[in-house]
């Protein structure tokens, strides 16, 4: 199934761009793959190893979806984020920063709540 704005996606019949993006990023391993590609291109095997226990079938499927969406590309060095993929990762970084602060706050609160 092609996940692009304008098409019906899981959880939404509207085809709104944000709904298409959330469907794509909500698929198993999709965000992890983007995260692993943040530092530069990786071959199929290197990306598979970086993602831990992802099956080759799922990796292939996610790569196809992310390539169709224009977020990941493939070159001589392997798979890489496209310019749009890099912009998406940059847009997600404030969420990453928030999550780090949230984790620290939860940890600090947990320490205070212990007898």
N, C-alpha and C. Protein backbone atom coordinates (compact mmCIF):
# COMPACT_ATOMS: atom_id res chain seq x y z
N UNK A 1 0.84 -1.18 0.00
CA UNK A 1 0.00 0.00 0.00
C UNK A 1 0.88 1.24 0.00
N UNK A 2 0.62 2.16 -0.88
CA UNK A 2 1.38 3.39 -0.95
C UNK A 2 0.85 4.37 0.08
N UNK A 3 1.74 4.86 0.92
CA UNK A 3 1.37 5.80 1.97
C UNK A 3 1.81 7.18 1.53
N UNK A 4 0.88 7.93 0.98
CA UNK A 4 1.16 9.30 0.57
C UNK A 4 -0.06 10.16 0.87
N UNK A 5 0.16 11.45 1.07
CA UNK A 5 -0.98 12.34 1.32
C UNK A 5 -2.00 12.22 0.20
N UNK A 6 -3.26 12.27 0.59
CA UNK A 6 -4.34 12.16 -0.38
C UNK A 6 -4.94 10.77 -0.44
N UNK A 7 -4.18 9.76 0.01
CA UNK A 7 -4.68 8.38 0.05
C UNK A 7 -5.22 8.06 1.43
N UNK A 8 -6.23 7.22 1.48
CA UNK A 8 -6.75 6.71 2.74
C UNK A 8 -5.62 5.96 3.45
N UNK A 9 -5.50 6.17 4.76
CA UNK A 9 -4.48 5.49 5.56
C UNK A 9 -5.14 4.88 6.78
N UNK A 10 -4.37 4.06 7.49
CA UNK A 10 -4.88 3.46 8.73
C UNK A 10 -5.32 4.57 9.67
N UNK A 11 -6.53 4.46 10.17
CA UNK A 11 -7.03 5.42 11.15
C UNK A 11 -7.58 6.70 10.58
N UNK A 12 -7.56 6.88 9.27
CA UNK A 12 -8.07 8.12 8.69
C UNK A 12 -8.48 7.90 7.23
N UNK A 13 -9.66 8.34 6.93
CA UNK A 13 -10.13 8.32 5.54
C UNK A 13 -9.82 9.63 4.82
N UNK A 14 -9.34 10.64 5.56
CA UNK A 14 -9.18 11.98 5.00
C UNK A 14 -8.02 12.11 4.03
N UNK A 15 -6.96 11.34 4.23
CA UNK A 15 -5.79 11.48 3.38
C UNK A 15 -4.98 12.72 3.70
N UNK A 16 -5.25 13.35 4.83
CA UNK A 16 -4.50 14.55 5.20
C UNK A 16 -3.02 14.19 5.36
N UNK A 17 -2.15 15.11 4.99
CA UNK A 17 -0.72 14.82 5.05
C UNK A 17 -0.25 14.36 6.44
N UNK A 18 -0.71 14.99 7.49
CA UNK A 18 -0.26 14.61 8.83
C UNK A 18 -0.69 13.18 9.16
N UNK A 19 -1.88 12.79 8.72
CA UNK A 19 -2.36 11.44 8.99
C UNK A 19 -1.55 10.41 8.22
N UNK A 20 -1.19 10.74 6.98
CA UNK A 20 -0.36 9.83 6.19
C UNK A 20 1.02 9.68 6.85
N UNK A 21 1.59 10.80 7.30
CA UNK A 21 2.90 10.74 7.95
C UNK A 21 2.85 9.93 9.24
N UNK A 22 1.82 10.16 10.06
CA UNK A 22 1.71 9.43 11.31
C UNK A 22 1.51 7.94 11.07
N UNK A 23 0.77 7.59 10.03
CA UNK A 23 0.60 6.18 9.68
C UNK A 23 1.96 5.58 9.30
N UNK A 24 2.69 6.27 8.45
CA UNK A 24 3.99 5.78 7.99
C UNK A 24 4.97 5.64 9.16
N UNK A 25 5.07 6.65 9.99
CA UNK A 25 6.03 6.63 11.09
C UNK A 25 5.59 5.70 12.21
N UNK A 26 4.31 5.39 12.27
CA UNK A 26 3.79 4.49 13.29
C UNK A 26 3.98 3.02 12.97
N UNK A 27 4.46 2.74 11.81
CA UNK A 27 4.70 1.34 11.44
C UNK A 27 5.95 0.82 12.14
N UNK A 28 5.88 -0.47 12.50
CA UNK A 28 7.01 -1.07 13.21
C UNK A 28 8.33 -0.79 12.52
N UNK A 29 9.29 -0.34 13.28
CA UNK A 29 10.67 -0.12 12.88
C UNK A 29 10.91 1.14 12.06
N UNK A 30 9.89 1.81 11.58
CA UNK A 30 10.09 2.96 10.69
C UNK A 30 10.91 4.06 11.37
N UNK A 31 10.52 4.47 12.57
CA UNK A 31 11.26 5.52 13.26
C UNK A 31 12.68 5.07 13.62
N UNK A 32 12.82 3.84 14.01
CA UNK A 32 14.15 3.33 14.34
C UNK A 32 15.07 3.39 13.13
N UNK A 33 14.52 3.05 11.97
CA UNK A 33 15.33 3.09 10.76
C UNK A 33 15.77 4.52 10.45
N UNK A 34 14.87 5.48 10.59
CA UNK A 34 15.23 6.88 10.37
C UNK A 34 16.32 7.30 11.34
N UNK A 35 16.16 6.90 12.60
CA UNK A 35 17.14 7.25 13.62
C UNK A 35 18.52 6.68 13.27
N UNK A 36 18.55 5.44 12.84
CA UNK A 36 19.82 4.80 12.52
C UNK A 36 20.49 5.42 11.29
N UNK A 37 19.70 5.99 10.40
CA UNK A 37 20.25 6.61 9.19
C UNK A 37 20.67 8.06 9.42
N UNK A 38 20.49 8.58 10.63
CA UNK A 38 20.76 9.99 10.90
C UNK A 38 22.23 10.36 10.68
N UNK A 39 23.14 9.43 10.92
CA UNK A 39 24.58 9.73 10.82
C UNK A 39 25.12 9.54 9.41
N UNK A 40 24.34 8.93 8.54
CA UNK A 40 24.82 8.73 7.18
C UNK A 40 24.33 7.41 6.61
N UNK A 41 24.72 7.14 5.37
CA UNK A 41 24.23 5.95 4.67
C UNK A 41 24.65 4.65 5.35
N UNK A 42 23.78 3.65 5.21
CA UNK A 42 24.07 2.31 5.70
C UNK A 42 23.63 1.30 4.64
N UNK A 43 24.41 0.24 4.49
CA UNK A 43 24.00 -0.84 3.61
C UNK A 43 22.82 -1.57 4.25
N UNK A 44 22.18 -2.43 3.49
CA UNK A 44 21.05 -3.20 4.00
C UNK A 44 21.46 -3.96 5.26
N UNK A 45 22.58 -4.68 5.17
CA UNK A 45 23.03 -5.49 6.32
C UNK A 45 23.42 -4.62 7.52
N UNK A 46 24.06 -3.49 7.26
CA UNK A 46 24.44 -2.59 8.36
C UNK A 46 23.21 -1.99 9.02
N UNK A 47 22.21 -1.64 8.22
CA UNK A 47 20.97 -1.10 8.78
C UNK A 47 20.24 -2.18 9.57
N UNK A 48 20.23 -3.38 9.06
CA UNK A 48 19.60 -4.49 9.77
C UNK A 48 20.29 -4.71 11.12
N UNK A 49 21.61 -4.69 11.13
CA UNK A 49 22.36 -4.88 12.38
C UNK A 49 22.11 -3.74 13.35
N UNK A 50 22.05 -2.51 12.84
CA UNK A 50 21.82 -1.35 13.69
C UNK A 50 20.44 -1.39 14.34
N UNK A 51 19.50 -1.98 13.65
CA UNK A 51 18.12 -2.06 14.16
C UNK A 51 17.90 -3.26 15.08
N UNK A 52 18.89 -4.08 15.28
CA UNK A 52 18.73 -5.20 16.20
C UNK A 52 18.11 -6.41 15.53
N UNK A 53 16.92 -6.76 15.98
CA UNK A 53 16.33 -8.02 15.51
C UNK A 53 15.27 -7.84 14.43
N UNK A 54 15.39 -6.82 13.60
CA UNK A 54 14.43 -6.63 12.51
C UNK A 54 14.65 -7.73 11.46
N UNK A 55 13.55 -8.28 10.98
CA UNK A 55 13.66 -9.32 9.96
C UNK A 55 13.96 -8.67 8.61
N UNK A 56 14.63 -9.39 7.72
CA UNK A 56 14.91 -8.85 6.39
C UNK A 56 13.64 -8.48 5.63
N UNK A 57 12.58 -9.25 5.83
CA UNK A 57 11.32 -8.98 5.15
C UNK A 57 10.73 -7.65 5.60
N UNK A 58 10.70 -7.42 6.91
CA UNK A 58 10.16 -6.16 7.43
C UNK A 58 11.05 -5.00 7.02
N UNK A 59 12.36 -5.19 7.09
CA UNK A 59 13.28 -4.13 6.68
C UNK A 59 13.06 -3.77 5.22
N UNK A 60 12.93 -4.75 4.38
CA UNK A 60 12.67 -4.52 2.95
C UNK A 60 11.37 -3.77 2.74
N UNK A 61 10.32 -4.17 3.45
CA UNK A 61 9.02 -3.52 3.31
C UNK A 61 9.09 -2.07 3.75
N UNK A 62 9.69 -1.82 4.92
CA UNK A 62 9.79 -0.44 5.43
C UNK A 62 10.65 0.42 4.50
N UNK A 63 11.74 -0.14 4.02
CA UNK A 63 12.58 0.63 3.09
C UNK A 63 11.80 1.00 1.84
N UNK A 64 11.01 0.08 1.33
CA UNK A 64 10.20 0.36 0.14
C UNK A 64 9.19 1.48 0.43
N UNK A 65 8.55 1.42 1.59
CA UNK A 65 7.57 2.45 1.96
C UNK A 65 8.24 3.81 2.14
N UNK A 66 9.37 3.83 2.82
CA UNK A 66 10.07 5.09 3.06
C UNK A 66 10.66 5.65 1.77
N UNK A 67 11.06 4.78 0.87
CA UNK A 67 11.56 5.24 -0.44
C UNK A 67 10.42 5.81 -1.27
N UNK A 68 9.28 5.13 -1.28
CA UNK A 68 8.12 5.64 -2.01
C UNK A 68 7.67 6.99 -1.49
N UNK A 69 7.81 7.18 -0.20
CA UNK A 69 7.40 8.44 0.42
C UNK A 69 8.44 9.54 0.22
N UNK A 70 9.61 9.20 -0.33
CA UNK A 70 10.63 10.20 -0.58
C UNK A 70 11.45 10.57 0.64
N UNK A 71 11.42 9.73 1.68
CA UNK A 71 12.13 10.01 2.93
C UNK A 71 13.49 9.33 2.95
N UNK A 72 13.59 8.18 2.32
CA UNK A 72 14.85 7.43 2.24
C UNK A 72 15.18 7.22 0.77
N UNK A 73 16.45 7.30 0.46
CA UNK A 73 16.92 7.04 -0.89
C UNK A 73 18.00 5.97 -0.84
N UNK A 74 18.43 5.54 -2.01
CA UNK A 74 19.47 4.52 -2.10
C UNK A 74 20.52 4.99 -3.08
N UNK A 75 21.78 4.87 -2.66
CA UNK A 75 22.90 5.24 -3.52
C UNK A 75 23.98 4.20 -3.46
N UNK A 76 25.15 4.56 -3.94
CA UNK A 76 26.28 3.63 -3.97
C UNK A 76 26.70 3.18 -2.57
N UNK A 77 26.53 4.06 -1.57
CA UNK A 77 26.96 3.74 -0.21
C UNK A 77 25.89 3.03 0.59
N UNK A 78 24.70 2.89 0.05
CA UNK A 78 23.61 2.23 0.76
C UNK A 78 22.39 3.13 0.88
N UNK A 79 21.61 2.88 1.90
CA UNK A 79 20.40 3.67 2.13
C UNK A 79 20.75 4.91 2.94
N UNK A 80 20.08 6.00 2.61
CA UNK A 80 20.35 7.28 3.26
C UNK A 80 19.05 8.08 3.35
N UNK A 81 19.08 9.07 4.24
CA UNK A 81 17.95 9.99 4.30
C UNK A 81 18.04 10.93 3.10
N UNK A 82 16.90 11.19 2.47
CA UNK A 82 16.85 12.20 1.42
C UNK A 82 16.84 13.57 2.09
N UNK A 83 16.83 14.63 1.29
CA UNK A 83 16.71 15.97 1.87
C UNK A 83 15.44 16.07 2.71
N UNK A 84 14.33 15.52 2.18
CA UNK A 84 13.07 15.54 2.94
C UNK A 84 13.19 14.70 4.20
N UNK A 85 13.89 13.59 4.12
CA UNK A 85 14.10 12.75 5.30
C UNK A 85 14.91 13.48 6.35
N UNK A 86 15.91 14.22 5.94
CA UNK A 86 16.71 15.02 6.86
C UNK A 86 15.87 16.12 7.51
N UNK A 87 14.99 16.74 6.72
CA UNK A 87 14.09 17.76 7.28
C UNK A 87 13.14 17.14 8.29
N UNK A 88 12.65 15.95 7.99
CA UNK A 88 11.76 15.25 8.92
C UNK A 88 12.50 14.95 10.22
N UNK A 89 13.72 14.43 10.13
CA UNK A 89 14.49 14.13 11.32
C UNK A 89 14.74 15.40 12.13
N UNK A 90 15.05 16.51 11.47
CA UNK A 90 15.25 17.78 12.17
C UNK A 90 13.97 18.22 12.87
N UNK A 91 12.82 17.98 12.24
CA UNK A 91 11.54 18.35 12.85
C UNK A 91 11.24 17.47 14.06
N UNK A 92 11.76 16.25 14.07
CA UNK A 92 11.53 15.34 15.19
C UNK A 92 12.48 15.58 16.36
N UNK A 93 13.58 16.28 16.14
CA UNK A 93 14.57 16.48 17.20
C UNK A 93 14.01 17.22 18.42
N UNK A 94 13.14 18.22 18.27
CA UNK A 94 12.55 18.82 19.47
C UNK A 94 11.75 17.80 20.29
N UNK A 95 11.12 16.87 19.64
CA UNK A 95 10.40 15.80 20.34
C UNK A 95 11.40 14.91 21.08
N UNK A 96 12.52 14.63 20.47
CA UNK A 96 13.59 13.86 21.11
C UNK A 96 14.07 14.60 22.36
N UNK A 97 14.32 15.90 22.22
CA UNK A 97 14.78 16.69 23.36
C UNK A 97 13.75 16.69 24.49
N UNK A 98 12.48 16.84 24.13
CA UNK A 98 11.42 16.81 25.13
C UNK A 98 11.41 15.46 25.85
N UNK A 99 11.55 14.37 25.10
CA UNK A 99 11.53 13.03 25.69
C UNK A 99 12.70 12.84 26.65
N UNK A 100 13.86 13.38 26.33
CA UNK A 100 15.01 13.29 27.23
C UNK A 100 14.71 14.01 28.55
N UNK A 101 14.12 15.21 28.46
CA UNK A 101 13.75 15.95 29.67
C UNK A 101 12.68 15.23 30.47
N UNK A 102 11.74 14.65 29.77
CA UNK A 102 10.66 13.89 30.41
C UNK A 102 11.25 12.70 31.17
N UNK A 103 12.15 11.97 30.53
CA UNK A 103 12.78 10.81 31.17
C UNK A 103 13.55 11.23 32.42
N UNK A 104 14.25 12.36 32.33
CA UNK A 104 15.00 12.85 33.49
C UNK A 104 14.05 13.23 34.62
N UNK A 105 12.93 13.87 34.28
CA UNK A 105 11.95 14.28 35.29
C UNK A 105 11.32 13.06 35.95
N UNK A 106 11.00 12.05 35.16
CA UNK A 106 10.41 10.82 35.70
C UNK A 106 11.40 10.13 36.62
N UNK A 107 12.65 10.09 36.20
CA UNK A 107 13.69 9.45 37.00
C UNK A 107 13.87 10.20 38.32
N UNK A 108 13.92 11.51 38.26
CA UNK A 108 14.08 12.32 39.47
C UNK A 108 12.88 12.16 40.39
N UNK A 109 11.69 12.13 39.83
CA UNK A 109 10.48 11.94 40.64
C UNK A 109 10.47 10.56 41.27
N UNK A 110 10.92 9.57 40.56
CA UNK A 110 10.98 8.21 41.08
C UNK A 110 11.95 8.09 42.24
N UNK A 111 13.04 8.82 42.16
CA UNK A 111 14.04 8.81 43.23
C UNK A 111 13.48 9.46 44.49
N UNK A 112 12.72 10.54 44.32
CA UNK A 112 12.12 11.23 45.47
C UNK A 112 11.04 10.40 46.13
N UNK A 113 10.34 9.58 45.33
CA UNK A 113 9.21 8.81 45.86
C UNK A 113 9.64 7.53 46.58
N UNK A 114 10.92 7.19 46.50
CA UNK A 114 11.40 5.96 47.15
C UNK A 114 11.57 6.20 48.65
N UNK A 115 11.27 5.17 49.47
CA UNK A 115 11.44 5.33 50.93
C UNK A 115 12.89 5.43 51.31
